[in-house]
Each structure stands twice: as structure tokens, then as C-alpha cells.
Amino acid sequence: MHLSEANPKTPMPGLSLYETDFYAWVQEQASLLRCEQWSQIDMPNLIEEIESLGKQQRQELRNRLSVLLGHLLKWEYQAQHRSRSWLATIRLQRRETLRLLKDNPSLKPYLDHAIQEAYENARDLAMGETNLPAQTFPDNCVYELSVILDDSFYPGEPSELEPK
């Protein structure tokens, strides 16, 4: 059977639409919610997906902090290779992290923990992209939250690349 012949509303025998066509399942659940057809909603999977949305926001925060912290480490420990690209990444990750926190204020209490978790990845990123040995970088994040997200903070020696 060709893809064009497949009927998205007809799951494979023994499998639910949730298992065979997630997008079609989402559209169906949204329609059932709009029409208030409560008894037809796939409640167990809907609950699971709603919970996963919250987990995705936490993961996005950790990912953005990992990239941001990794670039701050590179900026500080490999100053001779600083570039506008690194600067742009730092600025972008700060801006997007702040937007994520503005859109999801309940993530703020999780920030300290997220920074701790993100730092391990940040350190790996910095080691991989600088080829500097692991002992170059502190074992734990030395940057305070207040400076991590501060537009004017760039660790190490001042640079002509830093925004005025």
C-alpha cells in the first residue's frame, strides 16, 4: 500500500490511532474536546501527553542553559577564539531563556536545579569545541543566576566584541 492510500482514521489492527498516527490522534482529541464529547476522549493518553508538555518546557530550559553556559565557558577559557558567532549564541540563548521563563513563570523555582543539570552538558560542549582538557573547566557552575542571564555579563577579560 502506498502512503497516499493509507487512511489516517483507520489504525492498523490491534493498534490505536495514538500508536499509529500521533498527529491524527491529536487532531481527533482536539475535535472531541471542542465538541465536548467527553466519553470518547482517550483520557489516559491525553493525560500522559499533557504531562509530557510540562516536561518538555523543563527540558527546553535545560537545553538553552546548556548552550548558554557552554558558550560562556568558551568565552572565558578560550578568549583568543572569541567570535561574533559565540556572542550571537550567548545573546540568543539569554533572550530565549528569558522568554521561556516569562511564558512559564512556574519554571523559575526550578532554575537553580536546571543550571546544575545543564552545567554538565555545558562543560562537555566547551571541552568538545575548544579541545581543552576537562580540568580547565570548574567541576560546578561558578556563574550566579543573576549574571548568567545578564546582557552585560561576559566572563574573562573584556573583549571588543562585547556589546557596549
C-alpha atoms as a PDB file:
ATOM      1  CA  MET A   1       0.000   0.000   0.000  1.00  0.00           C
ATOM      2  CA  HIS A   2       1.243   3.477  -0.832  1.00  0.00           C
ATOM      3  CA  LEU A   3       1.279   6.240   1.736  1.00  0.00           C
ATOM      4  CA  SER A   4      -1.368   8.115  -0.252  1.00  0.00           C
ATOM      5  CA  GLU A   5      -3.712   5.136   0.094  1.00  0.00           C
ATOM      6  CA  ALA A   6      -3.471   4.993   3.893  1.00  0.00           C
ATOM      7  CA  ASN A   7      -6.493   6.154   5.843  1.00  0.00           C
ATOM      8  CA  PRO A   8      -5.280   8.017   8.939  1.00  0.00           C
ATOM      9  CA  LYS A   9      -8.551   7.317  10.785  1.00  0.00           C
ATOM     10  CA  THR A  10      -8.176   3.551  10.409  1.00  0.00           C
ATOM     11  CA  PRO A  11      -5.441   2.272  12.721  1.00  0.00           C
ATOM     12  CA  MET A  12      -3.611  -0.942  11.993  1.00  0.00           C
ATOM     13  CA  PRO A  13      -5.307  -3.991  13.546  1.00  0.00           C
ATOM     14  CA  GLY A  14      -4.625  -4.127  17.302  1.00  0.00           C
ATOM     15  CA  LEU A  15      -3.089  -0.640  17.376  1.00  0.00           C
ATOM     16  CA  SER A  16      -4.771   2.584  18.327  1.00  0.00           C
ATOM     17  CA  LEU A  17      -4.665   5.807  16.348  1.00  0.00           C
ATOM     18  CA  TYR A  18      -2.438   7.157  19.139  1.00  0.00           C
ATOM     19  CA  GLU A  19       0.129   4.462  18.296  1.00  0.00           C
ATOM     20  CA  THR A  20      -0.095   4.681  14.514  1.00  0.00           C
ATOM     21  CA  ASP A  21      -0.646   8.363  13.690  1.00  0.00           C
ATOM     22  CA  PHE A  22       0.036  10.739  16.544  1.00  0.00           C
ATOM     23  CA  TYR A  23      -0.854  13.871  14.581  1.00  0.00           C
ATOM     24  CA  ALA A  24      -4.228  12.443  13.544  1.00  0.00           C
ATOM     25  CA  TRP A  25      -4.825  11.387  17.165  1.00  0.00           C
ATOM     26  CA  VAL A  26      -4.088  14.941  18.383  1.00  0.00           C
ATOM     27  CA  GLN A  27      -6.498  16.417  15.839  1.00  0.00           C
ATOM     28  CA  GLU A  28      -9.172  13.924  16.820  1.00  0.00           C
ATOM     29  CA  GLN A  29      -8.741  14.631  20.550  1.00  0.00           C
ATOM     30  CA  ALA A  30      -8.921  18.395  19.950  1.00  0.00           C
ATOM     31  CA  SER A  31     -12.117  17.958  17.972  1.00  0.00           C
ATOM     32  CA  LEU A  32     -13.647  15.762  20.685  1.00  0.00           C
ATOM     33  CA  LEU A  33     -12.740  18.351  23.333  1.00  0.00           C
ATOM     34  CA  ARG A  34     -14.257  21.177  21.260  1.00  0.00           C
ATOM     35  CA  CYS A  35     -17.459  19.200  20.809  1.00  0.00           C
ATOM     36  CA  GLU A  36     -17.453  18.214  24.483  1.00  0.00           C
ATOM     37  CA  GLN A  37     -17.636  14.538  23.623  1.00  0.00           C
ATOM     38  CA  TRP A  38     -16.066  13.566  26.940  1.00  0.00           C
ATOM     39  CA  SER A  39     -16.803   9.851  26.792  1.00  0.00           C
ATOM     40  CA  GLN A  40     -14.920   9.426  23.503  1.00  0.00           C
ATOM     41  CA  ILE A  41     -11.716  11.161  24.639  1.00  0.00           C
ATOM     42  CA  ASP A  42      -8.651   8.940  25.012  1.00  0.00           C
ATOM     43  CA  MET A  43      -8.144  10.096  28.589  1.00  0.00           C
ATOM     44  CA  PRO A  44      -5.091   8.002  29.621  1.00  0.00           C
ATOM     45  CA  ASN A  45      -3.041   9.070  26.612  1.00  0.00           C
ATOM     46  CA  LEU A  46      -4.300  12.659  26.767  1.00  0.00           C
ATOM     47  CA  ILE A  47      -3.196  12.912  30.415  1.00  0.00           C
ATOM     48  CA  GLU A  48       0.201  11.457  29.520  1.00  0.00           C
ATOM     49  CA  GLU A  49       0.672  13.957  26.692  1.00  0.00           C
ATOM     50  CA  ILE A  50      -0.323  16.946  28.826  1.00  0.00           C
ATOM     51  CA  GLU A  51       2.171  15.875  31.490  1.00  0.00           C
ATOM     52  CA  SER A  52       4.861  15.496  28.836  1.00  0.00           C
ATOM     53  CA  LEU A  53       4.272  19.094  27.704  1.00  0.00           C
ATOM     54  CA  GLY A  54       5.410  20.309  31.115  1.00  0.00           C
ATOM     55  CA  LYS A  55       8.453  18.052  30.969  1.00  0.00           C
ATOM     56  CA  GLN A  56       9.280  19.475  27.536  1.00  0.00           C
ATOM     57  CA  GLN A  57       9.351  23.001  28.958  1.00  0.00           C
ATOM     58  CA  ARG A  58      11.804  21.909  31.654  1.00  0.00           C
ATOM     59  CA  GLN A  59      13.910  20.157  29.028  1.00  0.00           C
ATOM     60  CA  GLU A  60      13.917  23.241  26.821  1.00  0.00           C
ATOM     61  CA  LEU A  61      15.109  25.322  29.768  1.00  0.00           C
ATOM     62  CA  ARG A  62      17.952  22.858  30.458  1.00  0.00           C
ATOM     63  CA  ASN A  63      18.908  22.753  26.777  1.00  0.00           C
ATOM     64  CA  ARG A  64      19.038  26.536  26.432  1.00  0.00           C
ATOM     65  CA  LEU A  65      21.052  26.845  29.641  1.00  0.00           C
ATOM     66  CA  SER A  66      23.445  24.111  28.458  1.00  0.00           C
ATOM     67  CA  VAL A  67      24.223  26.004  25.261  1.00  0.00           C
ATOM     68  CA  LEU A  68      24.419  29.353  27.059  1.00  0.00           C
ATOM     69  CA  LEU A  69      26.713  28.069  29.801  1.00  0.00           C
ATOM     70  CA  GLY A  70      28.859  26.200  27.286  1.00  0.00           C
ATOM     71  CA  HIS A  71      29.405  29.391  25.324  1.00  0.00           C
ATOM     72  CA  LEU A  72      30.142  31.377  28.481  1.00  0.00           C
ATOM     73  CA  LEU A  73      32.811  28.792  29.335  1.00  0.00           C
ATOM     74  CA  LYS A  74      34.265  29.002  25.831  1.00  0.00           C
ATOM     75  CA  TRP A  75      34.188  32.807  26.038  1.00  0.00           C
ATOM     76  CA  GLU A  76      36.064  32.761  29.336  1.00  0.00           C
ATOM     77  CA  TYR A  77      38.559  29.952  28.755  1.00  0.00           C
ATOM     78  CA  GLN A  78      39.376  30.381  25.091  1.00  0.00           C
ATOM     79  CA  ALA A  79      39.375  34.147  24.774  1.00  0.00           C
ATOM     80  CA  GLN A  80      41.715  34.126  21.768  1.00  0.00           C
ATOM     81  CA  HIS A  81      38.996  32.401  19.692  1.00  0.00           C
ATOM     82  CA  ARG A  82      36.048  34.614  20.598  1.00  0.00           C
ATOM     83  CA  SER A  83      33.822  35.359  17.668  1.00  0.00           C
ATOM     84  CA  ARG A  84      30.677  37.182  16.700  1.00  0.00           C
ATOM     85  CA  SER A  85      29.082  33.749  16.364  1.00  0.00           C
ATOM     86  CA  TRP A  86      29.778  32.967  20.038  1.00  0.00           C
ATOM     87  CA  LEU A  87      28.462  36.390  21.003  1.00  0.00           C
ATOM     88  CA  ALA A  88      25.309  35.840  18.953  1.00  0.00           C
ATOM     89  CA  THR A  89      24.747  32.430  20.555  1.00  0.00           C
ATOM     90  CA  ILE A  90      25.137  33.859  24.049  1.00  0.00           C
ATOM     91  CA  ARG A  91      22.725  36.692  23.308  1.00  0.00           C
ATOM     92  CA  LEU A  92      20.175  34.433  21.597  1.00  0.00           C
ATOM     93  CA  GLN A  93      20.186  31.825  24.371  1.00  0.00           C
ATOM     94  CA  ARG A  94      19.816  34.509  27.042  1.00  0.00           C
ATOM     95  CA  ARG A  95      16.910  36.119  25.203  1.00  0.00           C
ATOM     96  CA  GLU A  96      15.143  32.809  24.546  1.00  0.00           C
ATOM     97  CA  THR A  97      15.697  31.608  28.130  1.00  0.00           C
ATOM     98  CA  LEU A  98      14.155  34.819  29.447  1.00  0.00           C
ATOM     99  CA  ARG A  99      11.205  34.430  27.039  1.00  0.00           C
ATOM    100  CA  LEU A 100      10.711  30.848  28.148  1.00  0.00           C
ATOM    101  CA  LEU A 101      10.679  31.967  31.791  1.00  0.00           C
ATOM    102  CA  LYS A 102       8.285  34.830  31.000  1.00  0.00           C
ATOM    103  CA  ASP A 103       5.916  32.414  29.241  1.00  0.00           C
ATOM    104  CA  ASN A 104       6.309  29.808  32.001  1.00  0.00           C
ATOM    105  CA  PRO A 105       6.877  31.651  35.299  1.00  0.00           C
ATOM    106  CA  SER A 106       6.358  28.456  37.294  1.00  0.00           C
ATOM    107  CA  LEU A 107       9.751  27.270  35.947  1.00  0.00           C
ATOM    108  CA  LYS A 108      11.595  29.938  37.987  1.00  0.00           C
ATOM    109  CA  PRO A 109      11.821  27.838  41.178  1.00  0.00           C
ATOM    110  CA  TYR A 110      13.411  25.078  39.037  1.00  0.00           C
ATOM    111  CA  LEU A 111      16.169  27.376  37.689  1.00  0.00           C
ATOM    112  CA  ASP A 112      18.900  26.557  40.217  1.00  0.00           C
ATOM    113  CA  HIS A 113      18.418  22.841  39.663  1.00  0.00           C
ATOM    114  CA  ALA A 114      18.244  23.323  35.874  1.00  0.00           C
ATOM    115  CA  ILE A 115      21.558  25.202  35.935  1.00  0.00           C
ATOM    116  CA  GLN A 116      23.210  22.390  37.869  1.00  0.00           C
ATOM    117  CA  GLU A 117      21.909  19.804  35.401  1.00  0.00           C
ATOM    118  CA  ALA A 118      22.729  21.945  32.361  1.00  0.00           C
ATOM    119  CA  TYR A 119      26.274  22.659  33.502  1.00  0.00           C
ATOM    120  CA  GLU A 120      27.398  19.069  32.960  1.00  0.00           C
ATOM    121  CA  ASN A 121      26.334  19.301  29.310  1.00  0.00           C
ATOM    122  CA  ALA A 122      27.780  22.808  29.026  1.00  0.00           C
ATOM    123  CA  ARG A 123      31.146  21.579  30.247  1.00  0.00           C
ATOM    124  CA  ASP A 124      31.107  18.748  27.703  1.00  0.00           C
ATOM    125  CA  LEU A 125      30.184  21.222  24.958  1.00  0.00           C
ATOM    126  CA  ALA A 126      33.032  23.543  25.935  1.00  0.00           C
ATOM    127  CA  MET A 127      35.555  20.694  26.105  1.00  0.00           C
ATOM    128  CA  GLY A 128      34.449  19.329  22.751  1.00  0.00           C
ATOM    129  CA  GLU A 129      34.505  22.650  20.943  1.00  0.00           C
ATOM    130  CA  THR A 130      37.723  24.014  22.460  1.00  0.00           C
ATOM    131  CA  ASN A 131      39.748  20.788  22.763  1.00  0.00           C
ATOM    132  CA  LEU A 132      40.811  21.999  26.198  1.00  0.00           C
ATOM    133  CA  PRO A 133      41.241  19.334  28.899  1.00  0.00           C
ATOM    134  CA  ALA A 134      38.447  18.700  31.396  1.00  0.00           C
ATOM    135  CA  GLN A 135      40.438  20.133  34.297  1.00  0.00           C
ATOM    136  CA  THR A 136      40.414  23.536  32.548  1.00  0.00           C
ATOM    137  CA  PHE A 137      36.760  23.971  33.477  1.00  0.00           C
ATOM    138  CA  PRO A 138      35.353  24.060  37.024  1.00  0.00           C
ATOM    139  CA  ASP A 139      33.517  20.921  38.116  1.00  0.00           C
ATOM    140  CA  ASN A 140      30.489  23.000  39.123  1.00  0.00           C
ATOM    141  CA  CYS A 141      28.969  26.133  37.661  1.00  0.00           C
ATOM    142  CA  VAL A 142      30.679  29.218  39.082  1.00  0.00           C
ATOM    143  CA  TYR A 143      28.323  31.698  37.431  1.00  0.00           C
ATOM    144  CA  GLU A 144      25.471  33.015  39.552  1.00  0.00           C
ATOM    145  CA  LEU A 145      21.989  33.011  38.057  1.00  0.00           C
ATOM    146  CA  SER A 146      21.931  36.801  38.209  1.00  0.00           C
ATOM    147  CA  VAL A 147      24.859  37.047  35.783  1.00  0.00           C
ATOM    148  CA  ILE A 148      24.057  34.081  33.559  1.00  0.00           C
ATOM    149  CA  LEU A 149      21.009  35.912  32.212  1.00  0.00           C
ATOM    150  CA  ASP A 150      22.522  39.409  32.388  1.00  0.00           C
ATOM    151  CA  ASP A 151      23.072  41.020  28.958  1.00  0.00           C
ATOM    152  CA  SER A 152      26.154  42.824  30.180  1.00  0.00           C
ATOM    153  CA  PHE A 153      27.963  39.781  31.637  1.00  0.00           C
ATOM    154  CA  TYR A 154      30.749  38.243  29.583  1.00  0.00           C
ATOM    155  CA  PRO A 155      33.266  36.311  31.703  1.00  0.00           C
ATOM    156  CA  GLY A 156      37.012  36.706  31.487  1.00  0.00           C
ATOM    157  CA  GLU A 157      38.978  39.574  30.044  1.00  0.00           C
ATOM    158  CA  PRO A 158      36.961  42.303  28.265  1.00  0.00           C
ATOM    159  CA  SER A 159      36.616  41.988  24.513  1.00  0.00           C
ATOM    160  CA  GLU A 160      35.981  44.436  21.704  1.00  0.00           C
ATOM    161  CA  LEU A 161      33.203  42.077  20.591  1.00  0.00           C
ATOM    162  CA  GLU A 162      31.130  42.704  23.715  1.00  0.00           C
ATOM    163  CA  PRO A 163      28.137  44.988  23.220  1.00  0.00           C
ATOM    164  CA  LYS A 164      28.553  48.453  24.668  1.00  0.00           C
END
